[in-house]
């Protein structure tokens, strides 16, 4: 059942659980804020989706304002998510491809086409956090009609919006530097927050938690115990609940002594949170499932080695730091560190984040600090606890933070990874079936109102911590998908509101959202939202009356890809005609 802000404790019939240093505000584009009532488009959140909405609207001559709570722009790509989550390169076009090309150009121009940095950037799909921030800043500075105000906090209470005749007229935020309220008026509004705060304040229905399999017959729906991409295990009930998939920080780590900063013991260190790792390491495996994947001979040899104080040498059994996190190589000796899906204990912190989507910023900030200290403690434990094998501590100690990232925040990411917050109830609810082929060897259903193609697995992280007697983490799942289309309707609220779109807290089930939530898709949705808003403002019309073919034509002119076809090229003179033909393909 969808829920509104006033009824957020009721989700699937169950009850829910109930700092950034200030720097001067950023004014991109025009270099100074416009009059407070002079904006065509107001965007909440300088996430990649919000930035691309502003850029696309600016290129169509519309004046936009981004209100960002922190002192920084760029969301997760500027905070450690440097390994782009897209399964088929070329599936998503438009501004996302511009972003990728600018990343590649940065490394080629700075270090040379044959440099290690140019190779490690993987054609622009792998990048350092500071480089992502630089590229996003460049987009905005080139957008003369886009303005960004940082340190502006929006609290999702209804009184912070002025709504008349089914149109949002104004928004009130708190300037976190002056502590004073500021009000801005605009003609169109976009929710680009990871949390879905704007839709909540506007009383748009939204979803929280997990649907059950009985709701939409989705693969992986509800309570599922599974070894990530492996088979479903015992205990799976497939019943819906209010559980929210876990959050973590995407870490920028290095083993290069020239740029390494040693990881310190956090102020609130609790060794007991990590002691179960000792048994995992000394028994020579991550989880029971990981051991089940080895042959009996491999298990025996692995156990012999660890009992002898030696690191494992079995294929597929990582050593040292890889027990704590999964890493992808980035340029300049850095790595994107994410949760290790083999491990019961890694950088995710399940369960404790459940209240996050519907809590205020005071609670969210406390949780962010708690997660930071948990993460710092995890690495401190692995590098220093005498109960762990010496070889393990030694290999973990070779790693630390990158000293030229987040220098004003202890070299730690400034923003946590909110994988899923509120999910708006829109005109269309994106489900698992929308990302999976309708028949063997085929493609997923083609939506006639597609605004982008995209591709990533149906991928959710755990919702519960380690449970006694279970060899899986509840909710940590992955199921295959194919290149799919995303309908415009996932951004359009199932509400009478005429001037609101939500490209980031888009309309989807928990499983459907698990693939939509990747930044390339969010950038494409943001581009489409900014373009749609510009058209609506130009024509003084409701978003519900927008002619989708007109929007699609505008997106195709911006080299967006509505339907993916292998070998296609946006440089083909027949590109637009071919795309329109694919939209009607059965």
Protein backbone atom coordinates (compact mmCIF):
# COMPACT_ATOMS: atom_id res chain seq x y z
CA UNK A 1 0.00 0.00 0.00
CA UNK A 2 1.28 3.49 -0.73
CA UNK A 3 1.62 5.79 2.23
CA UNK A 4 1.67 9.54 2.72
CA UNK A 5 3.78 11.56 5.10
CA UNK A 6 1.01 11.51 7.71
CA UNK A 7 0.69 7.75 7.57
CA UNK A 8 4.26 6.61 7.03
CA UNK A 9 4.15 4.07 9.89
CA UNK A 10 1.81 1.83 7.91
CA UNK A 11 3.76 -0.11 5.32
CA UNK A 12 2.60 -3.45 3.96
CA UNK A 13 0.44 -3.77 7.08
CA UNK A 14 3.43 -3.60 9.44
CA UNK A 15 4.84 -0.90 11.70
CA UNK A 16 8.03 0.92 10.81
CA UNK A 17 10.83 1.80 13.24
CA UNK A 18 10.30 4.87 14.24
CA UNK A 19 27.74 17.21 8.99
CA UNK A 20 28.68 18.83 6.85
CA UNK A 21 31.06 21.75 7.59
CA UNK A 22 29.71 25.01 6.26
CA UNK A 23 31.43 26.64 3.33
CA UNK A 24 30.23 29.58 1.26
CA UNK A 25 27.28 28.86 -0.97
CA UNK A 26 27.88 27.96 -4.59
CA UNK A 27 26.35 29.96 -7.39
CA UNK A 28 26.83 28.20 -10.69
CA UNK A 29 26.01 29.66 -14.05
CA UNK A 30 24.81 33.18 -13.37
CA UNK A 31 27.14 33.56 -10.33
CA UNK A 32 24.46 35.20 -8.22
CA UNK A 33 20.98 34.11 -7.16
CA UNK A 34 18.05 35.51 -9.06
CA UNK A 35 15.13 37.22 -7.40
CA UNK A 36 13.36 34.71 -5.20
CA UNK A 37 10.33 34.60 -7.47
CA UNK A 38 12.13 34.40 -10.79
CA UNK A 39 12.68 30.67 -11.35
CA UNK A 40 11.08 28.48 -13.96
CA UNK A 41 12.22 25.35 -12.15
CA UNK A 42 13.15 24.62 -8.54
CA UNK A 43 15.02 21.39 -7.87
CA UNK A 44 15.56 19.94 -4.41
CA UNK A 45 18.86 18.05 -4.28
CA UNK A 46 22.15 18.54 -6.15
CA UNK A 47 22.36 14.84 -6.87
CA UNK A 48 23.39 13.80 -10.40
CA UNK A 49 19.69 13.54 -11.26
CA UNK A 50 19.07 17.07 -9.97
CA UNK A 51 22.11 18.50 -11.72
CA UNK A 52 21.14 16.98 -15.06
CA UNK A 53 17.61 18.34 -14.66
CA UNK A 54 19.03 21.84 -14.24
CA UNK A 55 21.46 21.44 -17.15
CA UNK A 56 18.81 20.18 -19.57
CA UNK A 57 16.38 22.95 -18.58
CA UNK A 58 19.11 25.56 -18.93
CA UNK A 59 19.95 24.37 -22.43
CA UNK A 60 16.31 24.98 -23.29
CA UNK A 61 16.52 28.52 -21.92
CA UNK A 62 14.75 27.95 -18.60
CA UNK A 63 16.00 29.34 -15.30
CA UNK A 64 16.46 26.77 -12.58
CA UNK A 65 17.45 26.80 -8.93
CA UNK A 66 18.95 23.81 -7.12
CA UNK A 67 18.56 23.81 -3.35
CA UNK A 68 21.19 21.54 -1.79
CA UNK A 69 21.36 20.76 1.92
CA UNK A 70 25.10 20.12 2.11
CA UNK A 71 28.03 22.28 1.13
CA UNK A 72 28.79 20.09 -1.87
CA UNK A 73 27.25 19.00 -5.14
CA UNK A 74 27.36 15.68 -6.98
CA UNK A 75 25.73 13.13 -4.69
CA UNK A 76 27.26 9.66 -4.61
CA UNK A 77 29.60 9.84 -7.63
CA UNK A 78 31.33 12.72 -5.83
CA UNK A 79 31.35 10.66 -2.63
CA UNK A 80 33.09 7.41 -3.53
CA UNK A 81 30.86 5.71 -6.08
CA UNK A 82 33.53 5.79 -8.76
CA UNK A 83 32.72 2.48 -10.49
CA UNK A 84 29.75 3.29 -12.70
CA UNK A 85 26.85 0.89 -12.24
CA UNK A 86 25.73 0.04 -15.76
CA UNK A 87 25.72 -3.47 -17.18
CA UNK A 88 25.53 -2.54 -20.89
CA UNK A 89 27.63 0.42 -21.89
CA UNK A 90 25.75 2.37 -24.51
CA UNK A 91 22.33 1.52 -23.09
CA UNK A 92 21.95 5.01 -21.62
CA UNK A 93 22.80 8.13 -23.60
CA UNK A 94 22.33 11.88 -23.40
CA UNK A 95 23.93 13.81 -20.58
CA UNK A 96 25.18 10.62 -18.93
CA UNK A 97 27.35 9.91 -21.97
CA UNK A 98 28.53 13.51 -21.87
CA UNK A 99 29.53 12.96 -18.24
CA UNK A 100 31.46 9.79 -19.12
CA UNK A 101 33.20 11.46 -22.06
CA UNK A 102 34.23 14.42 -19.90
CA UNK A 103 35.69 12.03 -17.31
CA UNK A 104 37.77 10.32 -19.98
CA UNK A 105 38.86 13.65 -21.48
CA UNK A 106 40.02 14.82 -18.05
CA UNK A 107 42.41 11.90 -17.62
CA UNK A 108 43.62 11.98 -21.22
CA UNK A 109 44.27 15.71 -21.19
CA UNK A 110 45.93 15.74 -17.77
CA UNK A 111 48.03 12.58 -17.99
CA UNK A 112 48.14 11.57 -21.66
CA UNK A 113 46.23 9.07 -23.78
CA UNK A 114 48.71 6.26 -23.01
CA UNK A 115 48.93 6.98 -19.29
CA UNK A 116 47.97 4.53 -16.58
CA UNK A 117 45.34 7.00 -15.41
CA UNK A 118 43.70 7.04 -18.84
CA UNK A 119 43.65 3.24 -18.85
CA UNK A 120 42.33 2.97 -15.31
CA UNK A 121 39.45 5.37 -16.02
CA UNK A 122 37.97 2.65 -18.24
CA UNK A 123 36.82 5.02 -20.98
CA UNK A 124 35.39 7.38 -18.37
CA UNK A 125 33.35 4.85 -16.40
CA UNK A 126 35.78 4.75 -13.45
CA UNK A 127 36.81 7.96 -11.71
CA UNK A 128 38.02 9.58 -8.51
CA UNK A 129 35.38 11.34 -6.36
CA UNK A 130 37.09 14.73 -6.72
CA UNK A 131 37.09 14.37 -10.51
CA UNK A 132 33.35 13.60 -10.57
CA UNK A 133 32.73 16.72 -8.49
CA UNK A 134 34.84 18.76 -10.90
CA UNK A 135 32.91 17.45 -13.93
CA UNK A 136 29.52 18.18 -12.36
CA UNK A 137 30.70 21.66 -11.43
CA UNK A 138 31.76 22.18 -15.04
CA UNK A 139 28.31 21.21 -16.31
CA UNK A 140 26.72 23.80 -14.05
CA UNK A 141 29.19 26.57 -14.80
CA UNK A 142 28.42 26.10 -18.49
CA UNK A 143 24.69 26.41 -17.79
CA UNK A 144 23.97 30.17 -17.68
CA UNK A 145 20.42 29.72 -16.46
CA UNK A 146 21.24 27.31 -13.59
CA UNK A 147 21.89 28.44 -10.02
CA UNK A 148 22.89 26.30 -7.05
CA UNK A 149 22.41 27.35 -3.44
CA UNK A 150 24.16 25.07 -0.98
CA UNK A 151 23.55 24.71 2.77
CA UNK A 152 19.79 25.02 2.19
CA UNK A 153 17.85 22.47 4.22
CA UNK A 154 14.37 21.43 3.20
CA UNK A 155 12.32 19.79 5.95
CA UNK A 156 9.46 17.71 4.64
CA UNK A 157 6.68 19.33 6.66
CA UNK A 158 3.66 20.47 4.60
CA UNK A 159 3.96 24.03 5.88
CA UNK A 160 7.24 24.36 3.96
CA UNK A 161 5.35 24.26 0.67
CA UNK A 162 2.77 26.69 -0.64
CA UNK A 163 0.24 24.83 -2.78
CA UNK A 164 -2.69 26.49 -4.54
CA UNK A 165 -5.00 25.10 -7.21
CA UNK A 166 -3.01 21.86 -7.41
CA UNK A 167 0.22 23.71 -8.10
CA UNK A 168 3.21 24.18 -5.85
CA UNK A 169 3.86 27.90 -5.72
CA UNK A 170 6.72 28.23 -3.27
CA UNK A 171 9.15 26.37 -1.06
CA UNK A 172 10.67 27.35 2.28
CA UNK A 173 14.14 26.19 3.30
CA UNK A 174 16.52 26.95 6.15
CA UNK A 175 19.85 28.55 5.37
CA UNK A 176 22.15 26.42 7.53
CA UNK A 177 24.78 29.17 7.67
CA UNK A 178 22.50 32.00 8.82
CA UNK A 179 19.87 29.75 10.48
CA UNK A 180 17.19 31.87 8.79
CA UNK A 181 14.25 30.74 6.67
CA UNK A 182 14.22 31.57 2.96
CA UNK A 183 11.32 31.24 0.54
CA UNK A 184 11.61 30.71 -3.21
CA UNK A 185 8.82 30.59 -5.76
CA UNK A 186 8.85 28.79 -9.07
CA UNK A 187 6.72 27.49 -11.89
CA UNK A 188 7.81 23.86 -11.70
CA UNK A 189 9.36 21.62 -9.03
CA UNK A 190 11.51 18.49 -9.13
CA UNK A 191 12.30 16.08 -6.31
CA UNK A 192 15.88 14.96 -6.89
CA UNK A 193 16.51 13.85 -3.31
CA UNK A 194 17.56 10.31 -2.46
CA UNK A 195 15.04 10.41 0.39
CA UNK A 196 11.94 11.67 -1.46
CA UNK A 197 11.42 14.62 0.88
CA UNK A 198 9.64 16.92 -1.58
CA UNK A 199 7.01 14.36 -2.56
CA UNK A 200 6.37 13.68 1.13
CA UNK A 201 5.81 17.35 1.92
CA UNK A 202 3.47 17.59 -1.06
CA UNK A 203 1.41 14.67 0.33
CA UNK A 204 2.08 12.53 -2.74
CA UNK A 205 1.54 8.84 -1.88
CA UNK A 206 4.72 6.79 -1.59
CA UNK A 207 5.95 3.30 -0.78
CA UNK A 208 8.37 2.09 1.90
CA UNK A 209 9.73 -1.37 2.52
CA UNK A 210 9.26 -4.53 0.49
CA UNK A 211 6.21 -5.78 -1.38
CA UNK A 212 5.38 -9.45 -1.05
CA UNK A 213 5.45 -11.91 -3.92
CA UNK A 214 1.66 -12.02 -3.81
CA UNK A 215 1.46 -8.32 -4.73
CA UNK A 216 2.97 -8.42 -8.23
CA UNK A 217 4.46 -11.92 -8.54
CA UNK A 218 7.96 -10.45 -8.77
CA UNK A 219 11.10 -12.52 -8.54
CA UNK A 220 12.87 -11.88 -5.23
CA UNK A 221 9.96 -10.03 -3.64
CA UNK A 222 9.46 -10.05 0.11
CA UNK A 223 11.58 -11.83 2.69
CA UNK A 224 14.24 -13.78 0.82
CA UNK A 225 17.36 -15.56 2.06
CA UNK A 226 19.76 -15.88 -0.80
CA UNK A 227 23.46 -15.88 -1.52
CA UNK A 228 23.41 -12.74 -3.69
CA UNK A 229 23.37 -14.20 -7.23
CA UNK A 230 23.02 -17.78 -5.98
CA UNK A 231 19.90 -19.83 -5.21
CA UNK A 232 17.16 -18.87 -2.78
CA UNK A 233 17.60 -20.59 0.56
CA UNK A 234 15.60 -21.87 3.53
CA UNK A 235 13.60 -19.36 5.52
CA UNK A 236 12.37 -17.40 2.50
CA UNK A 237 8.70 -16.52 3.01
CA UNK A 238 8.37 -13.96 0.16
CA UNK A 239 6.12 -11.91 2.45
CA UNK A 240 6.20 -8.12 2.33
CA UNK A 241 7.44 -6.05 5.25
CA UNK A 242 8.73 -2.61 6.20
CA UNK A 243 12.42 -3.45 5.89
CA UNK A 244 14.66 -0.97 4.03
CA UNK A 245 17.81 -2.20 2.32
CA UNK A 246 21.02 -1.25 4.10
CA UNK A 247 23.13 1.84 3.53
CA UNK A 248 26.90 2.27 3.65
CA UNK A 249 29.64 4.66 2.59
CA UNK A 250 31.35 4.14 -0.75
CA UNK A 251 34.95 4.41 0.38
CA UNK A 252 37.94 5.79 -1.50
CA UNK A 253 40.83 3.59 -0.33
CA UNK A 254 44.44 3.11 -1.40
CA UNK A 255 47.50 0.99 -0.68
CA UNK A 256 49.84 3.53 -2.25
CA UNK A 257 52.12 4.74 0.62
CA UNK A 258 52.54 8.13 -1.07
CA UNK A 259 48.88 9.05 -0.64
CA UNK A 260 47.78 6.75 2.19
CA UNK A 261 46.25 8.10 5.40
CA UNK A 262 46.16 5.64 8.28
CA UNK A 263 42.70 4.67 9.54
CA UNK A 264 42.20 5.78 13.14
CA UNK A 265 40.21 4.26 15.97
CA UNK A 266 36.85 6.07 16.20
CA UNK A 267 35.80 7.83 19.39
CA UNK A 268 32.90 5.42 19.98
CA UNK A 269 34.57 2.09 19.22
CA UNK A 270 32.71 -1.09 20.13
CA UNK A 271 34.85 -4.18 19.57
CA UNK A 272 31.91 -6.51 20.18
CA UNK A 273 30.33 -5.44 16.90
CA UNK A 274 33.12 -7.10 14.94
CA UNK A 275 34.25 -10.16 16.95
CA UNK A 276 32.31 -12.66 14.83
CA UNK A 277 34.78 -11.81 12.06
CA UNK A 278 37.42 -13.70 14.04
CA UNK A 279 35.62 -17.00 13.58
CA UNK A 280 35.02 -16.32 9.91
CA UNK A 281 38.65 -15.55 9.20
CA UNK A 282 40.15 -18.33 11.32
CA UNK A 283 37.82 -20.91 9.79
CA UNK A 284 38.95 -19.79 6.36
CA UNK A 285 35.67 -18.69 4.83
CA UNK A 286 33.24 -15.81 4.68
CA UNK A 287 29.89 -17.48 5.02
CA UNK A 288 28.57 -21.00 4.98
CA UNK A 289 27.39 -20.36 1.45
CA UNK A 290 30.85 -19.36 0.26
CA UNK A 291 32.23 -22.58 1.71
CA UNK A 292 29.50 -24.61 0.02
CA UNK A 293 30.80 -23.34 -3.33
CA UNK A 294 34.21 -24.96 -2.72
CA UNK A 295 35.05 -28.59 -3.30
CA UNK A 296 35.80 -30.76 -0.26
CA UNK A 297 39.49 -30.75 -1.20
CA UNK A 298 39.51 -26.95 -1.43
CA UNK A 299 37.77 -26.65 1.93
CA UNK A 300 40.31 -28.94 3.57
CA UNK A 301 43.29 -27.12 2.05
CA UNK A 302 41.86 -23.75 2.96
CA UNK A 303 41.31 -24.81 6.58
CA UNK A 304 44.81 -26.32 6.77
CA UNK A 305 46.38 -23.07 5.63
CA UNK A 306 44.52 -20.78 8.00
CA UNK A 307 45.19 -23.08 10.97
CA UNK A 308 48.87 -22.90 10.06
CA UNK A 309 48.66 -19.09 10.18
CA UNK A 310 48.80 -18.74 6.41
CA UNK A 311 46.51 -16.74 4.15
CA UNK A 312 44.11 -18.70 1.93
CA UNK A 313 45.31 -19.51 -1.57
CA UNK A 314 42.13 -21.13 -2.87
CA UNK A 315 40.73 -19.68 -6.12
CA UNK A 316 37.85 -17.36 -5.37
CA UNK A 317 38.83 -16.92 -1.71
CA UNK A 318 40.03 -13.33 -1.23
CA UNK A 319 42.64 -12.28 1.27
CA UNK A 320 43.05 -9.39 3.64
CA UNK A 321 41.11 -6.25 2.85
CA UNK A 322 38.92 -8.11 0.35
CA UNK A 323 37.26 -9.85 3.30
CA UNK A 324 35.95 -6.45 4.36
CA UNK A 325 34.91 -4.89 1.08
CA UNK A 326 34.60 -5.35 -2.64
CA UNK A 327 36.93 -3.04 -4.56
CA UNK A 328 37.10 -1.63 -8.08
CA UNK A 329 40.27 0.04 -9.30
CA UNK A 330 40.18 3.78 -9.98
CA UNK A 331 42.87 6.06 -11.42
CA UNK A 332 45.82 7.29 -9.36
CA UNK A 333 46.14 4.27 -7.11
CA UNK A 334 42.67 4.56 -5.60
CA UNK A 335 39.80 2.11 -5.29
CA UNK A 336 36.04 2.34 -4.88
CA UNK A 337 35.30 0.24 -1.80
CA UNK A 338 31.79 -1.18 -1.45
CA UNK A 339 30.17 -3.76 0.80
CA UNK A 340 31.57 -7.28 0.37
CA UNK A 341 28.59 -9.45 -0.56
CA UNK A 342 30.38 -12.64 0.51
CA UNK A 343 30.71 -11.45 4.10
CA UNK A 344 28.37 -11.38 7.07
CA UNK A 345 30.20 -8.30 8.35
CA UNK A 346 31.17 -5.55 5.92
CA UNK A 347 30.51 -1.86 5.39
CA UNK A 348 26.71 -2.15 5.22
CA UNK A 349 24.82 -1.61 8.46
CA UNK A 350 21.42 -3.31 8.06
CA UNK A 351 18.33 -2.69 10.21
CA UNK A 352 19.55 0.49 11.86
CA UNK A 353 18.72 2.56 8.77
CA UNK A 354 15.05 1.56 8.59
CA UNK A 355 13.78 4.85 10.10
CA UNK A 356 16.03 6.97 7.87
CA UNK A 357 13.69 7.73 4.92
CA UNK A 358 10.95 9.24 7.08
CA UNK A 359 13.06 10.76 9.87
CA UNK A 360 14.10 14.37 10.18
CA UNK A 361 17.63 15.62 9.57
CA UNK A 362 18.62 15.54 13.23
CA UNK A 363 18.06 11.76 13.30
CA UNK A 364 19.62 11.29 9.86
CA UNK A 365 22.76 13.15 10.89
CA UNK A 366 23.12 10.98 13.99
CA UNK A 367 22.77 7.86 11.89
CA UNK A 368 25.33 9.13 9.36
CA UNK A 369 27.82 9.67 12.19
CA UNK A 370 26.99 6.26 13.67
CA UNK A 371 27.61 4.60 10.29
CA UNK A 372 30.88 6.47 9.87
CA UNK A 373 32.15 5.35 13.26
CA UNK A 374 30.98 1.79 12.62
CA UNK A 375 32.92 1.78 9.33
CA UNK A 376 36.06 3.26 10.85
CA UNK A 377 35.80 0.75 13.67
CA UNK A 378 35.47 -2.15 11.23
CA UNK A 379 38.79 -1.30 9.58
CA UNK A 380 40.51 -0.48 12.85
CA UNK A 381 39.48 -3.87 14.21
CA UNK A 382 40.69 -5.71 11.11
CA UNK A 383 44.03 -3.93 11.18
CA UNK A 384 44.74 -4.10 14.91
CA UNK A 385 42.82 -6.71 16.90
CA UNK A 386 45.26 -9.34 18.27
CA UNK A 387 42.65 -12.11 18.07
CA UNK A 388 42.87 -11.98 14.28
CA UNK A 389 45.66 -13.83 12.45
CA UNK A 390 48.83 -11.82 11.95
CA UNK A 391 48.75 -12.29 8.17
CA UNK A 392 45.22 -10.89 8.06
CA UNK A 393 46.04 -7.82 10.14
CA UNK A 394 49.18 -7.19 8.11
CA UNK A 395 47.40 -7.31 4.76
CA UNK A 396 44.53 -5.13 5.99
CA UNK A 397 47.04 -2.61 7.40
CA UNK A 398 48.42 -1.98 3.94
CA UNK A 399 45.28 0.02 3.16
CA UNK A 400 43.97 3.42 4.21
CA UNK A 401 42.12 6.51 3.07
CA UNK A 402 43.31 8.59 0.10
CA UNK A 403 44.79 11.82 1.46
CA UNK A 404 43.74 13.99 -1.50
CA UNK A 405 40.04 13.14 -1.18
CA UNK A 406 37.65 14.82 1.33
CA UNK A 407 40.55 16.65 2.97
CA UNK A 408 38.14 18.75 5.06
CA UNK A 409 36.29 15.67 6.34
CA UNK A 410 39.08 13.45 7.61
CA UNK A 411 39.43 11.90 4.12
CA UNK A 412 36.08 10.19 4.66
CA UNK A 413 33.10 10.54 2.27
CA UNK A 414 30.79 13.41 3.11
CA UNK A 415 27.58 11.65 2.10
CA UNK A 416 26.27 8.20 2.91
CA UNK A 417 24.87 5.87 0.29
CA UNK A 418 21.08 6.04 0.58
CA UNK A 419 20.27 3.14 -1.72
CA UNK A 420 16.55 3.49 -1.25
CA UNK A 421 14.28 5.98 0.49
CA UNK A 422 10.67 6.75 -0.25
CA UNK A 423 9.42 5.50 -3.62
CA UNK A 424 6.70 7.67 -5.08
CA UNK A 425 3.43 6.16 -6.22
CA UNK A 426 3.31 7.40 -9.78
CA UNK A 427 1.17 6.90 -12.84
CA UNK A 428 3.14 3.71 -13.46
CA UNK A 429 4.84 1.42 -10.94
CA UNK A 430 8.07 -0.06 -12.32
CA UNK A 431 8.34 -3.76 -11.41
CA UNK A 432 10.81 -6.61 -11.84
CA UNK A 433 8.98 -7.74 -14.98
CA UNK A 434 9.79 -4.40 -16.63
CA UNK A 435 13.50 -5.27 -16.51
CA UNK A 436 13.33 -8.92 -17.56
CA UNK A 437 12.74 -10.45 -21.01
CA UNK A 438 9.13 -11.31 -21.80
CA UNK A 439 10.36 -14.54 -23.42
CA UNK A 440 13.66 -16.44 -23.66
CA UNK A 441 16.06 -14.59 -25.91
CA UNK A 442 13.76 -11.59 -26.09
CA UNK A 443 13.78 -8.18 -24.48
CA UNK A 444 11.76 -6.65 -21.65
CA UNK A 445 8.51 -4.90 -22.57
CA UNK A 446 9.00 -1.70 -24.56
CA UNK A 447 7.13 1.22 -23.04
CA UNK A 448 5.69 3.56 -25.64
CA UNK A 449 6.39 6.51 -23.33
CA UNK A 450 10.02 5.52 -22.71
CA UNK A 451 12.35 8.36 -21.76
CA UNK A 452 15.53 6.30 -21.43
CA UNK A 453 16.93 2.83 -21.74
CA UNK A 454 18.98 1.41 -18.89
CA UNK A 455 20.48 -1.81 -17.64
CA UNK A 456 21.57 -3.19 -14.29
CA UNK A 457 20.70 -6.33 -12.36
CA UNK A 458 17.81 -6.46 -9.91
CA UNK A 459 20.09 -5.81 -6.97
CA UNK A 460 19.29 -5.19 -3.31
CA UNK A 461 21.49 -5.23 -0.24
CA UNK A 462 20.62 -6.92 3.04
CA UNK A 463 17.84 -5.63 5.27
CA UNK A 464 18.79 -7.57 8.41
CA UNK A 465 21.98 -8.32 10.25
CA UNK A 466 23.45 -11.78 10.70
CA UNK A 467 20.89 -14.18 12.17
CA UNK A 468 21.79 -17.20 14.26
CA UNK A 469 21.56 -20.45 12.31
CA UNK A 470 21.22 -18.80 8.90
CA UNK A 471 23.85 -18.89 6.18
CA UNK A 472 22.33 -15.98 4.25
CA UNK A 473 21.57 -12.35 4.94
CA UNK A 474 17.90 -11.49 4.47
CA UNK A 475 17.32 -9.41 1.37
CA UNK A 476 20.84 -9.50 -0.12
CA UNK A 477 19.83 -10.54 -3.61
CA UNK A 478 20.71 -10.25 -7.27
CA UNK A 479 18.70 -11.45 -10.26
CA UNK A 480 19.58 -11.01 -13.94
CA UNK A 481 17.92 -8.40 -16.11
CA UNK A 482 18.18 -7.20 -19.70
CA UNK A 483 18.35 -3.73 -21.24
CA UNK A 484 14.96 -2.17 -20.51
CA UNK A 485 12.96 1.00 -21.13
CA UNK A 486 11.75 3.38 -18.44
CA UNK A 487 8.34 4.99 -18.92
CA UNK A 488 7.82 8.70 -18.33
CA UNK A 489 4.99 7.82 -15.97
CA UNK A 490 7.39 6.65 -13.22
CA UNK A 491 8.23 10.33 -12.60
CA UNK A 492 4.65 11.61 -12.69
CA UNK A 493 2.87 11.58 -9.32
CA UNK A 494 -0.42 9.78 -8.94
CA UNK A 495 -1.74 13.07 -7.60
CA UNK A 496 -3.61 16.12 -8.89
CA UNK A 497 -0.42 18.19 -8.57
CA UNK A 498 0.32 19.72 -11.95
CA UNK A 499 3.92 20.93 -11.63
CA UNK A 500 5.91 18.23 -9.87
CA UNK A 501 8.16 15.42 -11.16
CA UNK A 502 10.21 12.93 -9.15
CA UNK A 503 13.05 11.40 -11.20
CA UNK A 504 15.05 10.14 -8.20
CA UNK A 505 12.42 8.81 -5.74
CA UNK A 506 10.73 7.28 -8.77
CA UNK A 507 7.63 5.10 -8.81
CA UNK A 508 8.63 1.45 -8.38
CA UNK A 509 8.37 -1.59 -6.20
CA UNK A 510 11.33 -2.46 -4.00
CA UNK A 511 12.57 -4.95 -6.60
CA UNK A 512 11.89 -2.64 -9.54
CA UNK A 513 13.64 0.23 -7.79
CA UNK A 514 16.68 -1.98 -7.19
CA UNK A 515 17.72 -1.46 -10.81
CA UNK A 516 16.32 2.03 -11.42
CA UNK A 517 18.37 3.38 -8.51
CA UNK A 518 21.69 3.40 -10.39
CA UNK A 519 23.20 6.82 -11.07
CA UNK A 520 23.33 6.50 -14.90
CA UNK A 521 19.58 5.87 -14.92
CA UNK A 522 18.99 8.68 -12.43
CA UNK A 523 20.99 11.07 -14.63
CA UNK A 524 18.84 10.12 -17.62
CA UNK A 525 15.64 10.52 -15.62
CA UNK A 526 16.86 13.89 -14.36
CA UNK A 527 17.58 15.01 -17.93
CA UNK A 528 14.09 13.93 -18.96
CA UNK A 529 12.52 15.68 -15.97
CA UNK A 530 14.32 18.95 -16.72
CA UNK A 531 13.29 18.76 -20.37
CA UNK A 532 9.69 17.95 -19.48
CA UNK A 533 9.56 20.82 -17.00
CA UNK A 534 10.92 23.23 -19.62
CA UNK A 535 8.21 22.18 -22.08
CA UNK A 536 5.48 22.51 -19.45
CA UNK A 537 6.69 25.98 -18.45
CA UNK A 538 6.96 27.06 -22.07
CA UNK A 539 3.39 25.99 -22.76
CA UNK A 540 1.95 26.87 -19.34
CA UNK A 541 0.53 23.37 -19.07
CA UNK A 542 0.14 20.65 -16.48
CA UNK A 543 2.58 17.76 -16.47
CA UNK A 544 -0.46 15.52 -16.86
CA UNK A 545 -1.21 17.17 -20.19
CA UNK A 546 2.32 16.94 -21.54
CA UNK A 547 2.51 15.33 -24.98
CA UNK A 548 5.03 12.54 -24.44
CA UNK A 549 6.00 12.34 -28.15
CA UNK A 550 7.08 15.98 -27.95
CA UNK A 551 9.21 15.17 -24.91
CA UNK A 552 10.70 12.14 -26.65
CA UNK A 553 11.57 14.19 -29.73
CA UNK A 554 13.35 16.74 -27.56
CA UNK A 555 15.27 13.98 -25.76
CA UNK A 556 16.31 12.35 -29.02
CA UNK A 557 17.67 15.71 -30.20
CA UNK A 558 19.75 15.63 -26.99
CA UNK A 559 21.10 12.18 -27.99
CA UNK A 560 19.14 10.34 -25.31
CA UNK A 561 18.49 6.67 -26.01
CA UNK A 562 14.87 5.60 -25.62
CA UNK A 563 15.24 1.99 -26.81
CA UNK A 564 18.59 0.23 -26.96
CA UNK A 565 19.69 -1.71 -30.01
CA UNK A 566 23.13 -3.29 -30.24
CA UNK A 567 25.43 -1.47 -32.62
CA UNK A 568 23.29 1.66 -32.72
CA UNK A 569 24.93 5.09 -32.91
CA UNK A 570 23.58 8.51 -32.03
CA UNK A 571 25.71 9.85 -34.89
CA UNK A 572 23.66 7.88 -37.42
CA UNK A 573 21.57 10.36 -39.50
CA UNK A 574 18.65 7.93 -39.10
CA UNK A 575 19.06 7.68 -35.31
CA UNK A 576 15.86 9.52 -34.40
CA UNK A 577 13.74 7.67 -36.96
CA UNK A 578 15.16 4.33 -35.87
CA UNK A 579 14.43 5.10 -32.22
CA UNK A 580 10.82 6.00 -32.97
CA UNK A 581 10.44 2.80 -34.97
CA UNK A 582 11.81 0.74 -32.07
CA UNK A 583 9.25 2.33 -29.72
CA UNK A 584 6.46 0.69 -31.70
CA UNK A 585 8.21 -2.66 -32.05
CA UNK A 586 6.21 -5.60 -30.74
